[in-house]
N, C-alpha and C. Protein backbone atom coordinates (compact mmCIF):
# COMPACT_ATOMS: atom_id res chain seq x y z
N MET A 1 -46.35 -17.72 17.63
CA MET A 1 -45.30 -17.20 18.76
C MET A 1 -43.91 -16.89 17.54
N LYS A 2 -43.79 -16.19 18.36
CA LYS A 2 -42.21 -15.78 16.99
C LYS A 2 -41.08 -15.87 17.82
N MET A 3 -40.17 -16.73 17.24
CA MET A 3 -38.90 -16.93 17.53
C MET A 3 -37.89 -15.84 17.50
N SER A 4 -37.62 -15.14 18.23
CA SER A 4 -35.85 -14.17 18.01
C SER A 4 -34.95 -14.72 18.67
N LEU A 5 -33.54 -14.21 17.40
CA LEU A 5 -32.36 -15.10 17.71
C LEU A 5 -31.32 -13.71 18.56
N SER A 6 -30.75 -14.41 19.44
CA SER A 6 -30.41 -13.79 20.40
C SER A 6 -28.68 -12.95 19.66
N PRO A 7 -28.51 -11.81 19.46
CA PRO A 7 -27.25 -10.90 19.52
C PRO A 7 -26.34 -12.06 19.09
N LYS A 8 -25.63 -12.64 20.01
CA LYS A 8 -24.68 -13.66 19.67
C LYS A 8 -25.09 -14.33 18.86
N ALA A 9 -26.34 -15.02 18.78
CA ALA A 9 -26.46 -16.13 17.53
C ALA A 9 -27.02 -15.35 16.01
N LYS A 10 -27.02 -14.77 16.19
CA LYS A 10 -27.12 -12.98 15.07
C LYS A 10 -25.62 -13.01 14.17
N ASN A 11 -24.84 -12.83 15.15
CA ASN A 11 -23.63 -12.12 14.72
C ASN A 11 -22.99 -13.90 14.46
N ILE A 12 -23.24 -14.93 14.71
CA ILE A 12 -22.33 -16.13 14.19
C ILE A 12 -23.13 -16.17 13.03
N LEU A 13 -24.16 -16.08 13.06
CA LEU A 13 -25.15 -16.63 11.71
C LEU A 13 -24.44 -15.52 10.34
N SER A 14 -24.10 -14.14 10.54
CA SER A 14 -23.84 -12.88 9.87
C SER A 14 -22.39 -13.66 9.55
N ALA A 15 -21.35 -13.72 10.64
CA ALA A 15 -20.39 -14.41 10.03
C ALA A 15 -20.07 -15.58 9.18
N ALA A 16 -20.76 -16.45 9.52
CA ALA A 16 -21.20 -17.69 8.74
C ALA A 16 -21.42 -17.61 7.29
N GLY A 17 -22.42 -16.42 7.54
CA GLY A 17 -22.90 -16.14 5.89
C GLY A 17 -21.80 -15.15 4.98
N ASN A 18 -21.42 -14.49 5.65
CA ASN A 18 -20.16 -13.48 5.75
C ASN A 18 -18.92 -14.67 4.55
N PHE A 19 -18.85 -15.18 5.49
CA PHE A 19 -17.09 -16.41 5.17
C PHE A 19 -18.09 -17.01 3.74
N ILE A 20 -19.18 -17.96 3.96
CA ILE A 20 -19.76 -18.48 3.05
C ILE A 20 -19.80 -17.89 1.62
N SER A 21 -20.13 -16.57 1.41
CA SER A 21 -20.34 -16.08 0.56
C SER A 21 -19.02 -15.32 -0.14
N SER A 22 -17.89 -14.95 0.99
CA SER A 22 -16.66 -14.55 0.11
C SER A 22 -15.96 -15.52 0.04
N PHE A 23 -16.15 -17.28 0.66
CA PHE A 23 -15.13 -18.17 0.06
C PHE A 23 -16.02 -18.77 -1.43
N ILE A 24 -17.20 -18.55 -1.64
CA ILE A 24 -17.85 -18.93 -3.17
C ILE A 24 -17.36 -18.14 -4.11
N THR A 25 -17.39 -16.85 -3.57
CA THR A 25 -17.25 -16.01 -4.76
C THR A 25 -15.72 -16.14 -5.19
N ALA A 26 -14.93 -16.24 -4.35
CA ALA A 26 -13.33 -16.36 -4.54
C ALA A 26 -12.70 -17.84 -5.00
N ALA A 27 -13.71 -18.47 -5.06
CA ALA A 27 -13.08 -20.19 -5.29
C ALA A 27 -13.81 -19.71 -6.88
N ALA A 28 -15.26 -19.57 -6.88
CA ALA A 28 -15.33 -19.04 -8.72
C ALA A 28 -14.17 -18.65 -9.78
N ALA A 29 -13.90 -17.36 -8.36
CA ALA A 29 -12.86 -16.29 -9.63
C ALA A 29 -11.86 -16.78 -9.61
N ILE A 30 -11.42 -18.09 -8.37
CA ILE A 30 -10.01 -18.63 -9.21
C ILE A 30 -10.41 -19.37 -9.84
N VAL A 31 -10.88 -20.76 -10.24
CA VAL A 31 -11.32 -21.39 -11.21
C VAL A 31 -12.05 -20.78 -12.69
N ALA A 32 -12.37 -19.73 -12.40
CA ALA A 32 -12.38 -19.03 -13.71
C ALA A 32 -11.03 -18.33 -14.05
N ALA A 33 -10.30 -18.39 -13.35
CA ALA A 33 -8.96 -17.91 -13.60
C ALA A 33 -8.09 -18.78 -14.25
N ILE A 34 -8.01 -19.49 -13.49
CA ILE A 34 -7.36 -21.27 -13.99
C ILE A 34 -7.76 -21.15 -15.30
N PHE A 35 -8.89 -21.06 -15.60
CA PHE A 35 -9.51 -21.93 -16.93
C PHE A 35 -8.82 -20.71 -18.09
N VAL A 36 -8.93 -19.63 -17.84
CA VAL A 36 -8.81 -18.89 -18.37
C VAL A 36 -7.11 -18.85 -19.10
N LEU A 37 -6.32 -18.78 -17.61
CA LEU A 37 -4.75 -19.31 -18.23
C LEU A 37 -4.64 -20.36 -18.64
N ILE A 38 -5.21 -21.65 -18.51
CA ILE A 38 -4.81 -22.68 -19.57
C ILE A 38 -5.57 -22.29 -20.95
N LYS A 39 -5.97 -21.70 -21.16
CA LYS A 39 -6.49 -21.60 -22.81
C LYS A 39 -5.76 -20.34 -23.57
N LEU A 40 -5.37 -19.32 -22.52
CA LEU A 40 -4.71 -18.28 -22.79
C LEU A 40 -2.83 -18.70 -22.89
N LEU A 41 -2.81 -19.80 -22.04
CA LEU A 41 -0.98 -20.52 -22.46
C LEU A 41 -1.41 -21.87 -23.83
N GLY A 42 -2.76 -21.58 -24.35
CA GLY A 42 -2.68 -22.71 -25.21
C GLY A 42 -2.81 -24.29 -24.83
N TRP A 43 -3.27 -24.66 -23.87
CA TRP A 43 -3.09 -25.96 -23.59
C TRP A 43 -4.66 -25.86 -23.52
N ASN A 44 -5.25 -27.65 -23.27
CA ASN A 44 -6.45 -27.85 -23.46
C ASN A 44 -6.15 -28.84 -22.36
N MET A 45 -7.66 -29.52 -21.61
CA MET A 45 -8.12 -30.41 -20.49
C MET A 45 -8.94 -31.28 -20.96
N PHE A 46 -8.86 -32.13 -20.95
CA PHE A 46 -9.44 -33.67 -21.22
C PHE A 46 -9.51 -34.07 -20.13
N SER A 47 -10.18 -35.22 -19.72
CA SER A 47 -11.17 -36.22 -18.90
C SER A 47 -10.42 -37.92 -19.40
N VAL A 48 -10.11 -38.44 -18.51
CA VAL A 48 -9.34 -39.89 -18.68
C VAL A 48 -10.82 -40.68 -18.31
N ASP A 49 -10.99 -41.67 -19.46
CA ASP A 49 -12.56 -41.82 -19.24
C ASP A 49 -12.23 -43.51 -18.98
N SER A 50 -11.05 -44.36 -19.33
CA SER A 50 -10.63 -45.48 -19.13
C SER A 50 -9.78 -46.09 -18.47
N PRO A 51 -9.31 -47.34 -17.88
CA PRO A 51 -8.75 -46.93 -17.15
C PRO A 51 -7.39 -47.87 -17.70
N SER A 52 -7.05 -47.18 -19.00
CA SER A 52 -5.69 -47.91 -19.83
C SER A 52 -4.71 -47.31 -19.24
N MET A 53 -4.56 -45.68 -18.52
CA MET A 53 -3.27 -45.56 -18.64
C MET A 53 -2.90 -45.65 -16.65
N ALA A 54 -3.46 -45.94 -15.94
CA ALA A 54 -3.54 -46.73 -14.92
C ALA A 54 -2.19 -47.25 -14.26
N PRO A 55 -1.52 -46.95 -13.12
CA PRO A 55 -2.22 -46.07 -11.93
C PRO A 55 -1.78 -44.15 -12.66
N LEU A 56 -0.87 -44.54 -13.54
CA LEU A 56 0.11 -42.97 -13.45
C LEU A 56 -2.00 -42.05 -13.96
N TYR A 57 -2.65 -42.22 -14.48
CA TYR A 57 -3.77 -41.27 -14.77
C TYR A 57 -4.74 -42.43 -14.76
N PRO A 58 -5.80 -42.53 -13.78
CA PRO A 58 -6.78 -43.21 -13.48
C PRO A 58 -7.82 -42.79 -14.15
N VAL A 59 -8.81 -43.70 -14.20
CA VAL A 59 -10.31 -42.97 -14.45
C VAL A 59 -10.48 -41.62 -13.77
N GLY A 60 -11.29 -40.56 -14.66
CA GLY A 60 -11.61 -39.52 -13.75
C GLY A 60 -10.47 -38.72 -13.83
N THR A 61 -9.25 -38.47 -14.25
CA THR A 61 -8.14 -37.98 -14.38
C THR A 61 -8.71 -36.53 -15.07
N LEU A 62 -8.03 -35.37 -14.95
CA LEU A 62 -8.21 -34.46 -15.73
C LEU A 62 -6.42 -33.96 -16.29
N VAL A 63 -6.06 -34.63 -17.46
CA VAL A 63 -5.05 -34.18 -18.16
C VAL A 63 -4.73 -32.92 -18.96
N ILE A 64 -4.15 -32.27 -18.57
CA ILE A 64 -3.81 -30.71 -19.14
C ILE A 64 -2.97 -30.94 -20.18
N VAL A 65 -2.92 -30.52 -21.52
CA VAL A 65 -2.49 -30.92 -22.39
C VAL A 65 -1.76 -29.64 -23.38
N GLN A 66 -0.50 -29.70 -23.50
CA GLN A 66 -0.24 -28.77 -24.32
C GLN A 66 0.33 -29.31 -25.66
N LYS A 67 0.27 -27.92 -26.73
CA LYS A 67 0.44 -28.52 -28.12
C LYS A 67 1.69 -28.48 -28.48
N ALA A 68 2.05 -29.73 -29.17
CA ALA A 68 3.58 -29.74 -29.26
C ALA A 68 3.88 -29.98 -30.79
N GLU A 69 4.75 -30.09 -31.47
CA GLU A 69 5.02 -30.77 -32.47
C GLU A 69 5.80 -31.91 -32.90
N PRO A 70 5.03 -32.71 -33.75
CA PRO A 70 5.74 -34.22 -33.71
C PRO A 70 6.76 -34.74 -33.20
N GLU A 71 7.68 -33.76 -33.79
CA GLU A 71 8.93 -33.80 -34.24
C GLU A 71 9.74 -33.52 -32.60
N GLU A 72 8.96 -32.92 -31.87
CA GLU A 72 9.39 -32.73 -30.51
C GLU A 72 8.87 -34.13 -29.81
N ILE A 73 8.36 -34.91 -29.74
CA ILE A 73 8.04 -36.06 -28.70
C ILE A 73 8.82 -37.62 -29.34
N GLU A 74 8.86 -37.70 -27.68
CA GLU A 74 10.00 -38.43 -27.79
C GLU A 74 9.23 -40.20 -27.25
N VAL A 75 9.97 -41.13 -27.16
CA VAL A 75 9.63 -42.30 -27.04
C VAL A 75 9.61 -42.05 -25.45
N GLY A 76 8.14 -42.48 -24.73
CA GLY A 76 8.23 -42.42 -23.20
C GLY A 76 7.26 -41.40 -23.35
N ASP A 77 6.81 -40.13 -23.92
CA ASP A 77 5.80 -39.21 -23.75
C ASP A 77 4.73 -39.67 -23.53
N VAL A 78 3.83 -39.01 -23.02
CA VAL A 78 2.21 -39.62 -23.18
C VAL A 78 1.54 -38.53 -23.74
N ILE A 79 0.94 -38.43 -25.00
CA ILE A 79 0.28 -37.64 -25.98
C ILE A 79 -1.06 -38.24 -26.09
N THR A 80 -2.09 -36.93 -26.50
CA THR A 80 -3.73 -37.02 -26.46
C THR A 80 -3.42 -37.46 -28.13
N TYR A 81 -4.56 -37.90 -29.03
CA TYR A 81 -4.72 -37.91 -29.65
C TYR A 81 -5.59 -38.71 -30.76
N VAL A 82 -6.48 -37.47 -31.66
CA VAL A 82 -7.76 -38.24 -32.22
C VAL A 82 -7.57 -39.16 -32.71
N LEU A 83 -8.57 -40.60 -32.15
CA LEU A 83 -8.60 -42.23 -32.63
C LEU A 83 -8.98 -42.06 -33.90
N ASN A 84 -10.52 -41.32 -33.99
CA ASN A 84 -11.18 -41.56 -35.19
C ASN A 84 -11.61 -40.53 -35.36
N GLU A 85 -12.71 -41.15 -36.52
CA GLU A 85 -13.60 -39.19 -37.32
C GLU A 85 -14.66 -38.98 -36.47
N ASP A 86 -14.79 -39.53 -35.47
CA ASP A 86 -15.91 -39.03 -34.67
C ASP A 86 -15.03 -38.21 -33.58
N GLY A 87 -13.84 -38.24 -33.41
CA GLY A 87 -13.71 -37.61 -32.94
C GLY A 87 -12.96 -37.96 -31.22
N VAL A 88 -13.00 -39.32 -31.47
CA VAL A 88 -13.09 -39.66 -30.14
C VAL A 88 -11.26 -39.72 -29.93
N LEU A 89 -11.39 -38.78 -28.07
CA LEU A 89 -9.15 -38.68 -28.06
C LEU A 89 -9.08 -39.55 -27.11
N VAL A 90 -7.74 -40.11 -26.98
CA VAL A 90 -6.98 -41.11 -26.10
C VAL A 90 -6.49 -40.36 -25.91
N THR A 91 -5.64 -40.77 -24.83
CA THR A 91 -3.82 -40.33 -24.28
C THR A 91 -3.35 -41.66 -24.00
N HIS A 92 -2.24 -41.66 -24.71
CA HIS A 92 -1.71 -42.70 -24.35
C HIS A 92 -0.05 -42.84 -24.36
N ARG A 93 0.70 -43.88 -23.86
CA ARG A 93 2.41 -43.76 -24.11
C ARG A 93 2.84 -43.64 -24.90
N VAL A 94 3.84 -43.05 -25.48
CA VAL A 94 4.39 -43.20 -26.80
C VAL A 94 5.68 -44.51 -26.64
N ILE A 95 5.40 -45.38 -27.33
CA ILE A 95 6.48 -47.05 -27.47
C ILE A 95 7.47 -46.49 -28.79
N LYS A 96 6.82 -46.14 -30.00
CA LYS A 96 8.48 -46.63 -31.10
C LYS A 96 7.47 -45.24 -31.65
N ILE A 97 8.51 -44.34 -32.56
CA ILE A 97 8.39 -43.44 -33.44
C ILE A 97 8.90 -43.88 -34.74
N ASN A 98 7.74 -43.21 -36.04
CA ASN A 98 8.05 -44.07 -37.31
C ASN A 98 8.20 -42.73 -37.61
N ALA A 99 9.44 -41.80 -38.31
CA ALA A 99 9.64 -40.78 -38.64
C ALA A 99 9.18 -40.72 -39.87
N ASP A 100 10.14 -41.74 -40.67
CA ASP A 100 9.66 -41.88 -42.22
C ASP A 100 7.90 -42.31 -42.63
N ASN A 101 7.13 -42.75 -42.09
CA ASN A 101 5.62 -43.17 -41.84
C ASN A 101 5.17 -42.14 -41.43
N ARG A 102 6.22 -40.85 -40.47
CA ARG A 102 4.87 -40.08 -39.38
C ARG A 102 3.63 -40.35 -39.21
N THR A 103 4.44 -41.38 -38.20
CA THR A 103 3.28 -42.31 -36.84
C THR A 103 4.29 -42.59 -35.98
N PHE A 104 3.45 -42.72 -34.91
CA PHE A 104 3.59 -42.88 -33.55
C PHE A 104 2.62 -44.80 -33.43
N ILE A 105 3.61 -45.26 -32.21
CA ILE A 105 3.33 -46.30 -31.73
C ILE A 105 2.81 -46.49 -30.32
N THR A 106 1.68 -46.28 -29.90
CA THR A 106 1.40 -45.79 -28.48
C THR A 106 0.41 -46.88 -27.77
N LYS A 107 0.74 -46.85 -26.88
CA LYS A 107 0.11 -47.92 -25.89
C LYS A 107 -0.16 -47.49 -24.41
N GLY A 108 -1.40 -47.70 -23.62
CA GLY A 108 -1.95 -47.37 -22.64
C GLY A 108 -1.17 -48.26 -21.62
N ASP A 109 -0.48 -47.65 -20.22
CA ASP A 109 0.12 -48.15 -19.46
C ASP A 109 -0.37 -49.65 -19.09
N ALA A 110 -1.40 -50.25 -18.85
CA ALA A 110 -2.35 -50.51 -18.02
C ALA A 110 -2.72 -51.77 -19.25
N ASN A 111 -2.62 -51.77 -20.57
CA ASN A 111 -2.85 -52.48 -21.49
C ASN A 111 -1.65 -53.41 -22.14
N ASN A 112 -2.07 -54.73 -22.36
CA ASN A 112 -0.97 -55.92 -22.74
C ASN A 112 -0.58 -55.21 -24.28
N THR A 113 -1.13 -54.51 -25.26
CA THR A 113 -0.87 -54.37 -26.92
C THR A 113 -0.83 -53.41 -26.97
N GLU A 114 0.28 -52.68 -28.05
CA GLU A 114 -0.04 -51.70 -28.85
C GLU A 114 -0.98 -51.33 -29.63
N ASP A 115 -1.02 -50.24 -29.59
CA ASP A 115 -2.28 -49.46 -30.35
C ASP A 115 -2.06 -49.56 -31.81
N SER A 116 -2.92 -49.33 -33.22
CA SER A 116 -2.60 -49.62 -34.30
C SER A 116 -1.54 -47.82 -34.25
N PRO A 117 -1.03 -47.82 -35.57
CA PRO A 117 -0.05 -46.74 -35.78
C PRO A 117 -1.48 -45.39 -35.74
N VAL A 118 -0.21 -43.87 -34.77
CA VAL A 118 -1.34 -43.23 -34.94
C VAL A 118 -0.04 -41.84 -36.28
N LEU A 119 -1.23 -41.18 -36.85
CA LEU A 119 -0.88 -40.46 -37.68
C LEU A 119 -0.22 -39.36 -36.54
N TRP A 120 1.04 -38.56 -37.22
CA TRP A 120 1.72 -37.44 -36.41
C TRP A 120 0.28 -35.96 -36.13
N ASP A 121 -0.42 -36.07 -37.79
CA ASP A 121 -1.25 -35.06 -38.02
C ASP A 121 -2.52 -35.19 -36.54
N ASN A 122 -2.78 -36.72 -36.37
CA ASN A 122 -3.79 -36.79 -35.22
C ASN A 122 -3.55 -36.43 -33.96
N MET A 123 -1.92 -35.91 -34.01
CA MET A 123 -1.56 -35.83 -32.52
C MET A 123 -2.10 -34.12 -32.14
N VAL A 124 -3.25 -34.15 -30.87
CA VAL A 124 -3.60 -32.79 -30.17
C VAL A 124 -2.40 -32.39 -29.25
N GLY A 125 -1.76 -33.20 -28.57
CA GLY A 125 -0.55 -32.68 -27.94
C GLY A 125 0.04 -33.19 -26.30
N ARG A 126 1.04 -33.09 -25.76
CA ARG A 126 1.38 -34.20 -24.88
C ARG A 126 1.28 -33.65 -23.43
N VAL A 127 1.05 -34.58 -22.94
CA VAL A 127 0.19 -34.49 -21.84
C VAL A 127 1.45 -33.81 -20.49
N LEU A 128 1.25 -32.47 -20.02
CA LEU A 128 1.70 -31.77 -19.24
C LEU A 128 1.60 -32.51 -17.45
N LEU A 129 0.15 -32.37 -17.24
CA LEU A 129 -0.10 -32.72 -15.92
C LEU A 129 -1.22 -33.64 -15.94
N GLY A 130 -1.59 -34.13 -14.79
CA GLY A 130 -2.80 -35.02 -14.36
C GLY A 130 -2.99 -34.87 -13.53
N ILE A 131 -4.41 -34.64 -13.21
CA ILE A 131 -4.90 -34.34 -11.50
C ILE A 131 -5.97 -35.09 -11.08
N PRO A 132 -5.88 -36.21 -10.37
CA PRO A 132 -6.89 -37.20 -10.56
C PRO A 132 -7.78 -36.51 -9.90
N ALA A 133 -9.31 -36.73 -10.30
CA ALA A 133 -10.83 -36.85 -9.82
C ALA A 133 -11.27 -35.85 -10.07
N LEU A 134 -10.29 -34.99 -11.16
CA LEU A 134 -11.24 -33.57 -11.54
C LEU A 134 -11.91 -33.60 -13.08
N GLY A 135 -11.27 -34.38 -13.59
CA GLY A 135 -11.72 -34.95 -15.44
C GLY A 135 -13.04 -34.62 -15.15
N ARG A 136 -14.01 -35.27 -14.53
CA ARG A 136 -15.29 -35.51 -14.51
C ARG A 136 -16.04 -33.94 -14.10
N PRO A 137 -15.55 -33.40 -13.27
CA PRO A 137 -16.45 -32.37 -12.74
C PRO A 137 -15.70 -31.62 -13.69
N VAL A 138 -14.61 -31.16 -14.38
CA VAL A 138 -14.62 -30.40 -15.18
C VAL A 138 -14.99 -30.24 -16.70
N ARG A 139 -15.18 -31.63 -17.13
CA ARG A 139 -16.02 -31.94 -17.99
C ARG A 139 -17.70 -31.42 -18.02
N PHE A 140 -18.05 -31.71 -16.55
CA PHE A 140 -19.60 -31.56 -16.08
C PHE A 140 -19.70 -29.57 -16.76
N LEU A 141 -18.61 -29.25 -16.15
CA LEU A 141 -18.28 -27.61 -16.27
C LEU A 141 -18.51 -26.87 -17.71
N THR A 142 -17.49 -27.62 -18.22
CA THR A 142 -16.90 -27.29 -19.84
C THR A 142 -18.24 -27.64 -20.32
N ALA A 143 -18.80 -28.76 -20.43
CA ALA A 143 -19.69 -29.28 -21.92
C ALA A 143 -20.62 -28.75 -22.64
N GLU A 144 -20.70 -28.59 -23.55
CA GLU A 144 -21.67 -26.98 -24.33
C GLU A 144 -23.04 -27.15 -23.94
N GLU A 145 -23.48 -28.56 -23.14
CA GLU A 145 -24.79 -28.76 -23.07
C GLU A 145 -25.60 -28.17 -21.77
N ASN A 146 -24.25 -27.98 -20.87
CA ASN A 146 -24.31 -27.53 -19.60
C ASN A 146 -24.28 -26.31 -19.14
N ARG A 147 -23.61 -25.74 -19.81
CA ARG A 147 -23.53 -24.07 -20.15
C ARG A 147 -24.72 -23.51 -19.37
N PRO A 148 -25.75 -23.27 -19.60
CA PRO A 148 -26.47 -22.44 -19.33
C PRO A 148 -27.21 -22.55 -17.79
N ALA A 149 -26.66 -23.54 -17.44
CA ALA A 149 -27.49 -24.31 -16.10
C ALA A 149 -25.97 -24.07 -15.40
N VAL A 150 -24.53 -24.12 -15.66
CA VAL A 150 -23.36 -23.61 -15.16
C VAL A 150 -23.41 -22.20 -15.35
N ILE A 151 -23.70 -21.54 -16.09
CA ILE A 151 -23.94 -19.91 -15.78
C ILE A 151 -24.38 -19.41 -15.25
N SER A 152 -25.96 -19.86 -15.37
CA SER A 152 -27.11 -19.71 -14.54
C SER A 152 -26.79 -19.96 -12.63
N VAL A 153 -26.56 -20.81 -12.51
CA VAL A 153 -25.64 -20.93 -10.77
C VAL A 153 -24.82 -19.92 -10.89
N ILE A 154 -23.60 -20.05 -11.42
CA ILE A 154 -22.55 -18.56 -11.38
C ILE A 154 -23.38 -17.61 -11.33
N ALA A 155 -24.19 -16.95 -12.17
CA ALA A 155 -25.30 -15.67 -11.96
C ALA A 155 -25.88 -15.73 -10.36
N VAL A 156 -26.38 -16.77 -10.12
CA VAL A 156 -27.21 -16.98 -8.57
C VAL A 156 -26.17 -16.38 -7.24
N ILE A 157 -24.87 -17.28 -7.58
CA ILE A 157 -23.87 -17.19 -6.92
C ILE A 157 -23.53 -15.68 -6.49
N PHE A 158 -23.32 -15.59 -7.73
CA PHE A 158 -23.40 -14.19 -7.71
C PHE A 158 -23.94 -13.01 -6.90
N VAL A 159 -25.71 -13.18 -7.86
CA VAL A 159 -26.44 -12.17 -7.10
C VAL A 159 -26.29 -12.28 -5.42
N PHE A 160 -26.72 -13.66 -5.29
CA PHE A 160 -26.93 -14.08 -3.52
C PHE A 160 -25.61 -13.15 -2.81
N SER A 161 -24.02 -13.16 -3.55
CA SER A 161 -23.13 -12.80 -2.54
C SER A 161 -23.56 -10.97 -2.69
N LEU A 162 -23.36 -10.61 -3.71
CA LEU A 162 -23.89 -9.48 -4.10
C LEU A 162 -24.77 -8.67 -2.63
N VAL A 163 -26.53 -9.77 -2.67
CA VAL A 163 -27.25 -9.27 -1.48
C VAL A 163 -27.02 -9.41 -0.54
N TRP A 164 -26.22 -10.23 -0.42
CA TRP A 164 -25.77 -10.84 1.05
C TRP A 164 -24.89 -9.05 1.55
N ASP A 165 -23.95 -8.98 0.90
CA ASP A 165 -23.23 -7.99 1.41
C ASP A 165 -24.04 -6.40 1.14
N LEU A 166 -24.89 -6.29 0.55
CA LEU A 166 -25.61 -5.43 0.64
C LEU A 166 -26.33 -5.03 2.02
N ILE A 167 -26.94 -6.27 2.52
CA ILE A 167 -27.64 -6.63 3.97
C ILE A 167 -26.73 -6.22 4.84
N GLU A 168 -25.76 -6.86 4.79
CA GLU A 168 -24.63 -6.63 5.51
C GLU A 168 -24.32 -5.33 6.30
N ARG A 169 -24.04 -4.40 4.79
CA ARG A 169 -23.72 -2.61 4.85
C ARG A 169 -24.74 -2.37 5.51
N ARG A 170 -25.64 -2.63 5.16
CA ARG A 170 -27.09 -2.11 5.65
C ARG A 170 -27.32 -2.02 7.55
N LYS A 171 -27.04 -3.15 7.78
CA LYS A 171 -26.74 -3.58 9.19
C LYS A 171 -25.86 -2.87 9.80
N ASN A 172 -24.79 -2.80 9.10
CA ASN A 172 -23.67 -1.97 9.92
C ASN A 172 -23.56 -0.80 10.18
N LYS A 173 -24.22 0.19 8.73
CA LYS A 173 -24.57 1.35 8.95
C LYS A 173 -25.78 1.73 10.20
N LYS A 174 -26.74 0.65 10.48
CA LYS A 174 -28.14 0.91 11.25
C LYS A 174 -27.27 0.77 12.32
N GLY A 175 -25.82 0.05 12.75
CA GLY A 175 -25.29 0.01 14.20
C GLY A 175 -24.19 0.67 14.22
N ARG A 176 -23.81 1.82 13.62
CA ARG A 176 -22.99 3.01 13.88
C ARG A 176 -23.63 4.05 13.78
N ARG A 177 -24.98 4.14 13.96
CA ARG A 177 -25.39 5.28 13.89
C ARG A 177 -25.66 6.25 15.26
N VAL A 178 -24.48 7.18 15.70
CA VAL A 178 -24.79 8.17 16.64
C VAL A 178 -26.10 8.88 16.93
N PRO A 179 -26.87 8.46 17.91
CA PRO A 179 -27.62 9.68 17.73
C PRO A 179 -28.06 10.60 18.17
N ARG A 180 -28.42 11.72 17.59
CA ARG A 180 -28.49 13.15 17.59
C ARG A 180 -29.01 14.09 19.10
N ARG A 181 -28.30 14.83 19.29
CA ARG A 181 -28.56 15.62 20.04
C ARG A 181 -29.73 16.79 19.97
N LYS A 182 -30.07 16.84 21.36
CA LYS A 182 -31.54 17.72 21.16
C LYS A 182 -31.32 18.79 21.25
N ARG A 183 -31.43 19.85 21.01
CA ARG A 183 -30.86 21.07 21.32
C ARG A 183 -31.88 21.93 22.14
């Protein structure tokens, strides 16, 4: 038994497909443009992985970090710096500056104790902005080991969108045909 959809149901499905296709394509383009803009501005994006800066930057927050000269940093600024030889990054607030030793003393807002002195050369930059809950998804999307999968998904979405548009155009052309008159 063959089921066929009513013209109204077909129109609803077609409109839904057009919306979803357009929405996904636009969202992917906007996210890509934001990533490119952030990189062009010389900023970096990092995920907060510990509760040491809560409640300002809870776990999973995306922090946007701008390069800055150590001399520009003031007490109260939140900076991101390289903690050790393994490249572990930390985002904490500057509570003291020792210009003679070229070090910062930092502390997580939720921590009770100061961190060890941070060399000015280890500073990555000053935090400009924190966006809660976006850190983990952005880290997943930008992780080197996930690039093949992310690129594949984007390609599939693009191809799906392209095929959907081609099918819709073909349907619209068939629907607009004017019958020829017989002579």
